[in-house]
Amino acid sequence: EARDAGGVLAFVSEQYRSGGLTKSAVRQQLLAMLGLYQELRARVRVDGVDVVDGATWLYTTGEITGRLPLLGWVSVLTWQREPEVVRREPGGWRLFGFQD
């Protein structure tokens, strides 16, 4: 496992915008979590994929856990069947967001 924010963010489009978040805001949140927790783990399950008007919607369920000194492993974030728009860009598929 690596604490590689750049590697994680490589899967997020430069044009990402979703629920008021941009790629820059996602970067800040990720760096804050990496600074707070000694270790982070993410488990993500793909629940479904739909293509609507040419956009690819990916539905996932998952949990992010982090390890804190003295406390051990704690749940940081959980979600169930949350949608996200993805698109094919040079180099592969990336999170694109709802563009709201």
PDB file of N, CA and C in Angstrom:
ATOM      1  N   GLU A   1       0.832  -1.186   0.000  1.00  0.00           N
ATOM      2  CA  GLU A   1       0.000   0.000   0.000  1.00  0.00           C
ATOM      3  C   GLU A   1       0.872   1.243   0.000  1.00  0.00           C
ATOM      4  N   ALA A   2       0.458   2.235  -0.740  1.00  0.00           N
ATOM      5  CA  ALA A   2       1.190   3.497  -0.797  1.00  0.00           C
ATOM      6  C   ALA A   2       0.253   4.643  -0.450  1.00  0.00           C
ATOM      7  N   ARG A   3       0.799   5.655   0.147  1.00  0.00           N
ATOM      8  CA  ARG A   3       0.035   6.868   0.448  1.00  0.00           C
ATOM      9  C   ARG A   3       0.233   7.807  -0.742  1.00  0.00           C
ATOM     10  N   ASP A   4      -0.363   7.446  -1.848  1.00  0.00           N
ATOM     11  CA  ASP A   4      -0.092   8.078  -3.126  1.00  0.00           C
ATOM     12  C   ASP A   4      -1.293   8.890  -3.594  1.00  0.00           C
ATOM     13  N   ALA A   5      -1.382  10.133  -3.131  1.00  0.00           N
ATOM     14  CA  ALA A   5      -2.504  10.985  -3.523  1.00  0.00           C
ATOM     15  C   ALA A   5      -2.528  11.180  -5.036  1.00  0.00           C
ATOM     16  N   GLY A   6      -1.365  11.345  -5.641  1.00  0.00           N
ATOM     17  CA  GLY A   6      -1.304  11.520  -7.092  1.00  0.00           C
ATOM     18  C   GLY A   6      -1.843  10.324  -7.846  1.00  0.00           C
ATOM     19  N   GLY A   7      -1.557   9.124  -7.337  1.00  0.00           N
ATOM     20  CA  GLY A   7      -2.061   7.908  -7.965  1.00  0.00           C
ATOM     21  C   GLY A   7      -3.572   7.803  -7.883  1.00  0.00           C
ATOM     22  N   VAL A   8      -4.131   8.191  -6.746  1.00  0.00           N
ATOM     23  CA  VAL A   8      -5.595   8.184  -6.581  1.00  0.00           C
ATOM     24  C   VAL A   8      -6.220   9.237  -7.489  1.00  0.00           C
ATOM     25  N   LEU A   9      -5.649  10.430  -7.482  1.00  0.00           N
ATOM     26  CA  LEU A   9      -6.214  11.535  -8.257  1.00  0.00           C
ATOM     27  C   LEU A   9      -6.068  11.339  -9.762  1.00  0.00           C
ATOM     28  N   ALA A  10      -5.208  10.427 -10.184  1.00  0.00           N
ATOM     29  CA  ALA A  10      -5.081  10.130 -11.612  1.00  0.00           C
ATOM     30  C   ALA A  10      -6.375   9.548 -12.174  1.00  0.00           C
ATOM     31  N   PHE A  11      -7.233   9.024 -11.296  1.00  0.00           N
ATOM     32  CA  PHE A  11      -8.514   8.459 -11.729  1.00  0.00           C
ATOM     33  C   PHE A  11      -9.640   9.490 -11.702  1.00  0.00           C
ATOM     34  N   VAL A  12      -9.305  10.751 -11.437  1.00  0.00           N
ATOM     35  CA  VAL A  12     -10.283  11.842 -11.391  1.00  0.00           C
ATOM     36  C   VAL A  12      -9.968  12.801 -12.534  1.00  0.00           C
ATOM     37  N   SER A  13     -10.965  13.078 -13.362  1.00  0.00           N
ATOM     38  CA  SER A  13     -10.788  13.971 -14.503  1.00  0.00           C
ATOM     39  C   SER A  13     -10.424  15.381 -14.043  1.00  0.00           C
ATOM     40  N   GLU A  14      -9.618  16.068 -14.849  1.00  0.00           N
ATOM     41  CA  GLU A  14      -9.313  17.478 -14.570  1.00  0.00           C
ATOM     42  C   GLU A  14     -10.585  18.321 -14.613  1.00  0.00           C
ATOM     43  N   GLN A  15     -11.606  17.865 -15.345  1.00  0.00           N
ATOM     44  CA  GLN A  15     -12.874  18.586 -15.450  1.00  0.00           C
ATOM     45  C   GLN A  15     -13.902  18.134 -14.409  1.00  0.00           C
ATOM     46  N   TYR A  16     -13.492  17.342 -13.411  1.00  0.00           N
ATOM     47  CA  TYR A  16     -14.416  16.804 -12.413  1.00  0.00           C
ATOM     48  C   TYR A  16     -15.154  17.933 -11.704  1.00  0.00           C
ATOM     49  N   ARG A  17     -16.470  17.769 -11.604  1.00  0.00           N
ATOM     50  CA  ARG A  17     -17.317  18.686 -10.839  1.00  0.00           C
ATOM     51  C   ARG A  17     -18.567  17.915 -10.457  1.00  0.00           C
ATOM     52  N   SER A  18     -18.804  17.794  -9.154  1.00  0.00           N
ATOM     53  CA  SER A  18     -19.942  17.005  -8.696  1.00  0.00           C
ATOM     54  C   SER A  18     -20.335  17.435  -7.287  1.00  0.00           C
ATOM     55  N   GLY A  19     -21.595  17.792  -7.111  1.00  0.00           N
ATOM     56  CA  GLY A  19     -22.072  18.181  -5.787  1.00  0.00           C
ATOM     57  C   GLY A  19     -21.277  19.334  -5.199  1.00  0.00           C
ATOM     58  N   GLY A  20     -20.836  20.255  -6.041  1.00  0.00           N
ATOM     59  CA  GLY A  20     -20.057  21.392  -5.581  1.00  0.00           C
ATOM     60  C   GLY A  20     -18.571  21.122  -5.438  1.00  0.00           C
ATOM     61  N   LEU A  21     -18.148  19.880  -5.624  1.00  0.00           N
ATOM     62  CA  LEU A  21     -16.730  19.529  -5.503  1.00  0.00           C
ATOM     63  C   LEU A  21     -16.036  19.574  -6.857  1.00  0.00           C
ATOM     64  N   THR A  22     -14.822  20.080  -6.858  1.00  0.00           N
ATOM     65  CA  THR A  22     -13.959  20.044  -8.029  1.00  0.00           C
ATOM     66  C   THR A  22     -12.804  19.094  -7.730  1.00  0.00           C
ATOM     67  N   LYS A  23     -11.981  18.829  -8.714  1.00  0.00           N
ATOM     68  CA  LYS A  23     -10.820  17.969  -8.472  1.00  0.00           C
ATOM     69  C   LYS A  23      -9.910  18.586  -7.414  1.00  0.00           C
ATOM     70  N   SER A  24      -9.783  19.890  -7.414  1.00  0.00           N
ATOM     71  CA  SER A  24      -8.955  20.570  -6.416  1.00  0.00           C
ATOM     72  C   SER A  24      -9.485  20.328  -5.003  1.00  0.00           C
ATOM     73  N   ALA A  25     -10.795  20.395  -4.825  1.00  0.00           N
ATOM     74  CA  ALA A  25     -11.396  20.144  -3.508  1.00  0.00           C
ATOM     75  C   ALA A  25     -11.224  18.685  -3.097  1.00  0.00           C
ATOM     76  N   VAL A  26     -11.352  17.770  -4.050  1.00  0.00           N
ATOM     77  CA  VAL A  26     -11.129  16.346  -3.758  1.00  0.00           C
ATOM     78  C   VAL A  26      -9.683  16.146  -3.311  1.00  0.00           C
ATOM     79  N   ARG A  27      -8.745  16.805  -3.978  1.00  0.00           N
ATOM     80  CA  ARG A  27      -7.321  16.720  -3.615  1.00  0.00           C
ATOM     81  C   ARG A  27      -7.117  17.194  -2.171  1.00  0.00           C
ATOM     82  N   GLN A  28      -7.711  18.327  -1.816  1.00  0.00           N
ATOM     83  CA  GLN A  28      -7.568  18.860  -0.456  1.00  0.00           C
ATOM     84  C   GLN A  28      -8.131  17.895   0.582  1.00  0.00           C
ATOM     85  N   GLN A  29      -9.303  17.323   0.314  1.00  0.00           N
ATOM     86  CA  GLN A  29      -9.899  16.369   1.255  1.00  0.00           C
ATOM     87  C   GLN A  29      -9.035  15.124   1.395  1.00  0.00           C
ATOM     88  N   LEU A  30      -8.525  14.611   0.280  1.00  0.00           N
ATOM     89  CA  LEU A  30      -7.682  13.418   0.320  1.00  0.00           C
ATOM     90  C   LEU A  30      -6.398  13.686   1.110  1.00  0.00           C
ATOM     91  N   LEU A  31      -5.753  14.818   0.860  1.00  0.00           N
ATOM     92  CA  LEU A  31      -4.526  15.149   1.587  1.00  0.00           C
ATOM     93  C   LEU A  31      -4.793  15.323   3.080  1.00  0.00           C
ATOM     94  N   ALA A  32      -5.945  15.893   3.435  1.00  0.00           N
ATOM     95  CA  ALA A  32      -6.303  16.032   4.852  1.00  0.00           C
ATOM     96  C   ALA A  32      -6.475  14.661   5.498  1.00  0.00           C
ATOM     97  N   MET A  33      -7.145  13.735   4.809  1.00  0.00           N
ATOM     98  CA  MET A  33      -7.323  12.385   5.357  1.00  0.00           C
ATOM     99  C   MET A  33      -5.986  11.668   5.484  1.00  0.00           C
ATOM    100  N   LEU A  34      -5.114  11.818   4.488  1.00  0.00           N
ATOM    101  CA  LEU A  34      -3.797  11.177   4.555  1.00  0.00           C
ATOM    102  C   LEU A  34      -2.960  11.757   5.694  1.00  0.00           C
ATOM    103  N   GLY A  35      -3.186  13.026   6.023  1.00  0.00           N
ATOM    104  CA  GLY A  35      -2.478  13.643   7.135  1.00  0.00           C
ATOM    105  C   GLY A  35      -3.001  13.222   8.492  1.00  0.00           C
ATOM    106  N   LEU A  36      -4.283  12.918   8.567  1.00  0.00           N
ATOM    107  CA  LEU A  36      -4.923  12.575   9.840  1.00  0.00           C
ATOM    108  C   LEU A  36      -4.757  11.107  10.209  1.00  0.00           C
ATOM    109  N   TYR A  37      -4.942  10.227   9.246  1.00  0.00           N
ATOM    110  CA  TYR A  37      -4.942   8.786   9.517  1.00  0.00           C
ATOM    111  C   TYR A  37      -3.594   8.165   9.167  1.00  0.00           C
ATOM    112  N   GLN A  38      -3.125   7.253  10.026  1.00  0.00           N
ATOM    113  CA  GLN A  38      -1.868   6.549   9.765  1.00  0.00           C
ATOM    114  C   GLN A  38      -1.989   5.654   8.538  1.00  0.00           C
ATOM    115  N   GLU A  39      -3.158   5.066   8.358  1.00  0.00           N
ATOM    116  CA  GLU A  39      -3.448   4.219   7.197  1.00  0.00           C
ATOM    117  C   GLU A  39      -4.882   4.481   6.765  1.00  0.00           C
ATOM    118  N   LEU A  40      -5.144   4.322   5.484  1.00  0.00           N
ATOM    119  CA  LEU A  40      -6.495   4.403   4.932  1.00  0.00           C
ATOM    120  C   LEU A  40      -6.745   3.169   4.082  1.00  0.00           C
ATOM    121  N   ARG A  41      -7.972   2.672   4.149  1.00  0.00           N
ATOM    122  CA  ARG A  41      -8.393   1.552   3.294  1.00  0.00           C
ATOM    123  C   ARG A  41      -9.739   1.901   2.669  1.00  0.00           C
ATOM    124  N   ALA A  42      -9.883   1.523   1.422  1.00  0.00           N
ATOM    125  CA  ALA A  42     -11.153   1.727   0.728  1.00  0.00           C
ATOM    126  C   ALA A  42     -11.624   0.396   0.164  1.00  0.00           C
ATOM    127  N   ARG A  43     -12.889   0.106   0.399  1.00  0.00           N
ATOM    128  CA  ARG A  43     -13.528  -1.068  -0.213  1.00  0.00           C
ATOM    129  C   ARG A  43     -14.708  -0.554  -1.017  1.00  0.00           C
ATOM    130  N   VAL A  44     -14.695  -0.864  -2.299  1.00  0.00           N
ATOM    131  CA  VAL A  44     -15.730  -0.367  -3.200  1.00  0.00           C
ATOM    132  C   VAL A  44     -16.274  -1.527  -4.013  1.00  0.00           C
ATOM    133  N   ARG A  45     -17.600  -1.613  -4.073  1.00  0.00           N
ATOM    134  CA  ARG A  45     -18.267  -2.637  -4.886  1.00  0.00           C
ATOM    135  C   ARG A  45     -19.077  -1.922  -5.970  1.00  0.00           C
ATOM    136  N   VAL A  46     -18.918  -2.347  -7.199  1.00  0.00           N
ATOM    137  CA  VAL A  46     -19.715  -1.795  -8.295  1.00  0.00           C
ATOM    138  C   VAL A  46     -21.060  -2.502  -8.292  1.00  0.00           C
ATOM    139  N   ASP A  47     -22.129  -1.726  -8.104  1.00  0.00           N
ATOM    140  CA  ASP A  47     -23.486  -2.275  -8.057  1.00  0.00           C
ATOM    141  C   ASP A  47     -24.153  -2.310  -9.422  1.00  0.00           C
ATOM    142  N   GLY A  48     -23.753  -1.412 -10.299  1.00  0.00           N
ATOM    143  CA  GLY A  48     -24.379  -1.385 -11.616  1.00  0.00           C
ATOM    144  C   GLY A  48     -23.781  -0.307 -12.497  1.00  0.00           C
ATOM    145  N   VAL A  49     -24.035  -0.439 -13.785  1.00  0.00           N
ATOM    146  CA  VAL A  49     -23.570   0.532 -14.774  1.00  0.00           C
ATOM    147  C   VAL A  49     -24.723   0.784 -15.731  1.00  0.00           C
ATOM    148  N   ASP A  50     -25.025   2.049 -15.985  1.00  0.00           N
ATOM    149  CA  ASP A  50     -26.056   2.431 -16.946  1.00  0.00           C
ATOM    150  C   ASP A  50     -25.481   3.464 -17.904  1.00  0.00           C
ATOM    151  N   VAL A  51     -25.942   3.431 -19.145  1.00  0.00           N
ATOM    152  CA  VAL A  51     -25.591   4.471 -20.102  1.00  0.00           C
ATOM    153  C   VAL A  51     -26.865   5.252 -20.382  1.00  0.00           C
ATOM    154  N   VAL A  52     -26.837   6.557 -20.065  1.00  0.00           N
ATOM    155  CA  VAL A  52     -28.000   7.426 -20.220  1.00  0.00           C
ATOM    156  C   VAL A  52     -27.589   8.617 -21.076  1.00  0.00           C
ATOM    157  N   ASP A  53     -28.223   8.759 -22.234  1.00  0.00           N
ATOM    158  CA  ASP A  53     -27.907   9.855 -23.157  1.00  0.00           C
ATOM    159  C   ASP A  53     -26.409   9.955 -23.429  1.00  0.00           C
ATOM    160  N   GLY A  54     -25.757   8.819 -23.577  1.00  0.00           N
ATOM    161  CA  GLY A  54     -24.338   8.783 -23.891  1.00  0.00           C
ATOM    162  C   GLY A  54     -23.405   8.905 -22.700  1.00  0.00           C
ATOM    163  N   ALA A  55     -23.942   9.199 -21.514  1.00  0.00           N
ATOM    164  CA  ALA A  55     -23.112   9.307 -20.306  1.00  0.00           C
ATOM    165  C   ALA A  55     -23.122   7.971 -19.568  1.00  0.00           C
ATOM    166  N   THR A  56     -21.974   7.570 -19.054  1.00  0.00           N
ATOM    167  CA  THR A  56     -21.852   6.314 -18.315  1.00  0.00           C
ATOM    168  C   THR A  56     -21.990   6.593 -16.826  1.00  0.00           C
ATOM    169  N   TRP A  57     -23.018   6.000 -16.222  1.00  0.00           N
ATOM    170  CA  TRP A  57     -23.276   6.145 -14.788  1.00  0.00           C
ATOM    171  C   TRP A  57     -22.838   4.867 -14.090  1.00  0.00           C
ATOM    172  N   LEU A  58     -22.029   5.029 -13.067  1.00  0.00           N
ATOM    173  CA  LEU A  58     -21.501   3.921 -12.283  1.00  0.00           C
ATOM    174  C   LEU A  58     -22.088   4.039 -10.880  1.00  0.00           C
ATOM    175  N   TYR A  59     -22.681   2.960 -10.376  1.00  0.00           N
ATOM    176  CA  TYR A  59     -23.278   2.953  -9.034  1.00  0.00           C
ATOM    177  C   TYR A  59     -22.424   2.079  -8.131  1.00  0.00           C
ATOM    178  N   THR A  60     -21.997   2.635  -6.987  1.00  0.00           N
ATOM    179  CA  THR A  60     -21.106   1.890  -6.093  1.00  0.00           C
ATOM    180  C   THR A  60     -21.587   1.942  -4.647  1.00  0.00           C
ATOM    181  N   THR A  61     -21.157   0.950  -3.885  1.00  0.00           N
ATOM    182  CA  THR A  61     -21.339   0.883  -2.440  1.00  0.00           C
ATOM    183  C   THR A  61     -19.952   0.695  -1.853  1.00  0.00           C
ATOM    184  N   GLY A  62     -19.673   1.370  -0.741  1.00  0.00           N
ATOM    185  CA  GLY A  62     -18.340   1.200  -0.184  1.00  0.00           C
ATOM    186  C   GLY A  62     -18.142   1.817   1.176  1.00  0.00           C
ATOM    187  N   GLU A  63     -16.911   1.679   1.646  1.00  0.00           N
ATOM    188  CA  GLU A  63     -16.523   2.228   2.940  1.00  0.00           C
ATOM    189  C   GLU A  63     -15.041   2.583   2.905  1.00  0.00           C
ATOM    190  N   ILE A  64     -14.730   3.715   3.511  1.00  0.00           N
ATOM    191  CA  ILE A  64     -13.342   4.100   3.741  1.00  0.00           C
ATOM    192  C   ILE A  64     -13.116   4.033   5.240  1.00  0.00           C
ATOM    193  N   THR A  65     -12.062   3.330   5.651  1.00  0.00           N
ATOM    194  CA  THR A  65     -11.693   3.252   7.059  1.00  0.00           C
ATOM    195  C   THR A  65     -10.291   3.822   7.221  1.00  0.00           C
ATOM    196  N   GLY A  66     -10.044   4.366   8.407  1.00  0.00           N
ATOM    197  CA  GLY A  66      -8.734   4.927   8.704  1.00  0.00           C
ATOM    198  C   GLY A  66      -8.255   4.457  10.063  1.00  0.00           C
ATOM    199  N   ARG A  67      -6.944   4.379  10.213  1.00  0.00           N
ATOM    200  CA  ARG A  67      -6.371   3.942  11.491  1.00  0.00           C
ATOM    201  C   ARG A  67      -5.789   5.152  12.216  1.00  0.00           C
ATOM    202  N   LEU A  68      -6.284   5.346  13.452  1.00  0.00           N
ATOM    203  CA  LEU A  68      -5.825   6.431  14.308  1.00  0.00           C
ATOM    204  C   LEU A  68      -4.971   5.880  15.441  1.00  0.00           C
ATOM    205  N   PRO A  69      -3.961   6.636  15.877  1.00  0.00           N
ATOM    206  CA  PRO A  69      -3.177   6.191  17.026  1.00  0.00           C
ATOM    207  C   PRO A  69      -4.099   6.010  18.236  1.00  0.00           C
ATOM    208  N   LEU A  70      -3.879   4.995  18.999  1.00  0.00           N
ATOM    209  CA  LEU A  70      -4.620   4.653  20.219  1.00  0.00           C
ATOM    210  C   LEU A  70      -6.033   4.136  19.964  1.00  0.00           C
ATOM    211  N   LEU A  71      -6.736   4.667  18.978  1.00  0.00           N
ATOM    212  CA  LEU A  71      -8.118   4.241  18.717  1.00  0.00           C
ATOM    213  C   LEU A  71      -8.207   3.042  17.785  1.00  0.00           C
ATOM    214  N   GLY A  72      -7.251   2.913  16.883  1.00  0.00           N
ATOM    215  CA  GLY A  72      -7.303   1.834  15.904  1.00  0.00           C
ATOM    216  C   GLY A  72      -8.126   2.231  14.693  1.00  0.00           C
ATOM    217  N   TRP A  73      -8.759   1.235  14.073  1.00  0.00           N
ATOM    218  CA  TRP A  73      -9.507   1.444  12.832  1.00  0.00           C
ATOM    219  C   TRP A  73     -10.883   2.038  13.114  1.00  0.00           C
ATOM    220  N   VAL A  74     -11.235   3.097  12.360  1.00  0.00           N
ATOM    221  CA  VAL A  74     -12.540   3.746  12.477  1.00  0.00           C
ATOM    222  C   VAL A  74     -13.114   3.946  11.076  1.00  0.00           C
ATOM    223  N   SER A  75     -14.434   3.978  10.995  1.00  0.00           N
ATOM    224  CA  SER A  75     -15.105   4.238   9.729  1.00  0.00           C
ATOM    225  C   SER A  75     -15.030   5.739   9.441  1.00  0.00           C
ATOM    226  N   VAL A  76     -14.564   6.094   8.253  1.00  0.00           N
ATOM    227  CA  VAL A  76     -14.431   7.485   7.850  1.00  0.00           C
ATOM    228  C   VAL A  76     -15.621   7.902   6.991  1.00  0.00           C
ATOM    229  N   LEU A  77     -16.029   7.030   6.076  1.00  0.00           N
ATOM    230  CA  LEU A  77     -17.092   7.345   5.125  1.00  0.00           C
ATOM    231  C   LEU A  77     -17.707   6.053   4.620  1.00  0.00           C
ATOM    232  N   THR A  78     -19.026   6.021   4.555  1.00  0.00           N
ATOM    233  CA  THR A  78     -19.719   4.883   3.948  1.00  0.00           C
ATOM    234  C   THR A  78     -20.760   5.416   2.967  1.00  0.00           C
ATOM    235  N   TRP A  79     -21.076   4.610   1.966  1.00  0.00           N
ATOM    236  CA  TRP A  79     -22.112   4.985   1.007  1.00  0.00           C
ATOM    237  C   TRP A  79     -22.732   3.728   0.426  1.00  0.00           C
ATOM    238  N   GLN A  80     -23.979   3.874  -0.051  1.00  0.00           N
ATOM    239  CA  GLN A  80     -24.699   2.756  -0.654  1.00  0.00           C
ATOM    240  C   GLN A  80     -25.305   3.193  -1.977  1.00  0.00           C
ATOM    241  N   ARG A  81     -24.984   2.433  -3.000  1.00  0.00           N
ATOM    242  CA  ARG A  81     -25.512   2.641  -4.352  1.00  0.00           C
ATOM    243  C   ARG A  81     -25.508   4.115  -4.781  1.00  0.00           C
ATOM    244  N   GLU A  82     -24.375   4.753  -4.570  1.00  0.00           N
ATOM    245  CA  GLU A  82     -24.226   6.160  -4.966  1.00  0.00           C
ATOM    246  C   GLU A  82     -23.821   6.243  -6.434  1.00  0.00           C
ATOM    247  N   PRO A  83     -24.433   7.174  -7.178  1.00  0.00           N
ATOM    248  CA  PRO A  83     -24.094   7.313  -8.596  1.00  0.00           C
ATOM    249  C   PRO A  83     -22.894   8.229  -8.808  1.00  0.00           C
ATOM    250  N   GLU A  84     -22.177   7.975  -9.873  1.00  0.00           N
ATOM    251  CA  GLU A  84     -21.075   8.836 -10.308  1.00  0.00           C
ATOM    252  C   GLU A  84     -20.968   8.700 -11.819  1.00  0.00           C
ATOM    253  N   VAL A  85     -20.723   9.802 -12.499  1.00  0.00           N
ATOM    254  CA  VAL A  85     -20.541   9.769 -13.946  1.00  0.00           C
ATOM    255  C   VAL A  85     -19.053   9.561 -14.228  1.00  0.00           C
ATOM    256  N   VAL A  86     -18.767   8.610 -15.114  1.00  0.00           N
ATOM    257  CA  VAL A  86     -17.388   8.355 -15.535  1.00  0.00           C
ATOM    258  C   VAL A  86     -17.306   8.543 -17.045  1.00  0.00           C
ATOM    259  N   ARG A  87     -16.107   8.833 -17.522  1.00  0.00           N
ATOM    260  CA  ARG A  87     -15.944   8.939 -18.976  1.00  0.00           C
ATOM    261  C   ARG A  87     -14.556   8.473 -19.367  1.00  0.00           C
ATOM    262  N   ARG A  88     -14.478   8.052 -20.613  1.00  0.00           N
ATOM    263  CA  ARG A  88     -13.201   7.587 -21.161  1.00  0.00           C
ATOM    264  C   ARG A  88     -12.402   8.804 -21.604  1.00  0.00           C
ATOM    265  N   GLU A  89     -11.190   8.909 -21.099  1.00  0.00           N
ATOM    266  CA  GLU A  89     -10.274   9.977 -21.473  1.00  0.00           C
ATOM    267  C   GLU A  89      -8.964   9.327 -21.905  1.00  0.00           C
ATOM    268  N   PRO A  90      -8.062  10.079 -22.512  1.00  0.00           N
ATOM    269  CA  PRO A  90      -6.758   9.489 -22.841  1.00  0.00           C
ATOM    270  C   PRO A  90      -6.128   8.882 -21.582  1.00  0.00           C
ATOM    271  N   GLY A  91      -5.757   7.636 -21.660  1.00  0.00           N
ATOM    272  CA  GLY A  91      -5.171   6.964 -20.502  1.00  0.00           C
ATOM    273  C   GLY A  91      -6.139   6.109 -19.717  1.00  0.00           C
ATOM    274  N   GLY A  92      -7.443   6.197 -19.998  1.00  0.00           N
ATOM    275  CA  GLY A  92      -8.390   5.320 -19.310  1.00  0.00           C
ATOM    276  C   GLY A  92      -9.637   6.027 -18.815  1.00  0.00           C
ATOM    277  N   TRP A  93     -10.409   5.294 -18.014  1.00  0.00           N
ATOM    278  CA  TRP A  93     -11.657   5.804 -17.450  1.00  0.00           C
ATOM    279  C   TRP A  93     -11.351   6.684 -16.245  1.00  0.00           C
ATOM    280  N   ARG A  94     -12.090   7.803 -16.136  1.00  0.00           N
ATOM    281  CA  ARG A  94     -11.902   8.713 -15.007  1.00  0.00           C
ATOM    282  C   ARG A  94     -13.255   9.191 -14.488  1.00  0.00           C
ATOM    283  N   LEU A  95     -13.286   9.483 -13.178  1.00  0.00           N
ATOM    284  CA  LEU A  95     -14.476  10.089 -12.587  1.00  0.00           C
ATOM    285  C   LEU A  95     -14.650  11.477 -13.187  1.00  0.00           C
ATOM    286  N   PHE A  96     -15.864  11.774 -13.643  1.00  0.00           N
ATOM    287  CA  PHE A  96     -16.148  13.035 -14.316  1.00  0.00           C
ATOM    288  C   PHE A  96     -17.121  13.892 -13.515  1.00  0.00           C
ATOM    289  N   GLY A  97     -17.994  13.260 -12.744  1.00  0.00           N
ATOM    290  CA  GLY A  97     -18.956  14.000 -11.930  1.00  0.00           C
ATOM    291  C   GLY A  97     -20.217  14.348 -12.688  1.00  0.00           C
ATOM    292  N   PHE A  98     -21.138  14.950 -11.957  1.00  0.00           N
ATOM    293  CA  PHE A  98     -22.438  15.321 -12.524  1.00  0.00           C
ATOM    294  C   PHE A  98     -22.372  16.638 -13.282  1.00  0.00           C
ATOM    295  N   GLN A  99     -21.297  17.395 -13.120  1.00  0.00           N
ATOM    296  CA  GLN A  99     -21.106  18.697 -13.762  1.00  0.00           C
ATOM    297  C   GLN A  99     -22.174  19.696 -13.338  1.00  0.00           C
ATOM    298  N   ASP A 100     -22.569  19.642 -12.064  1.00  0.00           N
ATOM    299  CA  ASP A 100     -23.564  20.600 -11.557  1.00  0.00           C
ATOM    300  C   ASP A 100     -22.912  21.827 -10.969  1.00  0.00           C
TER     301      ASP A 100
END
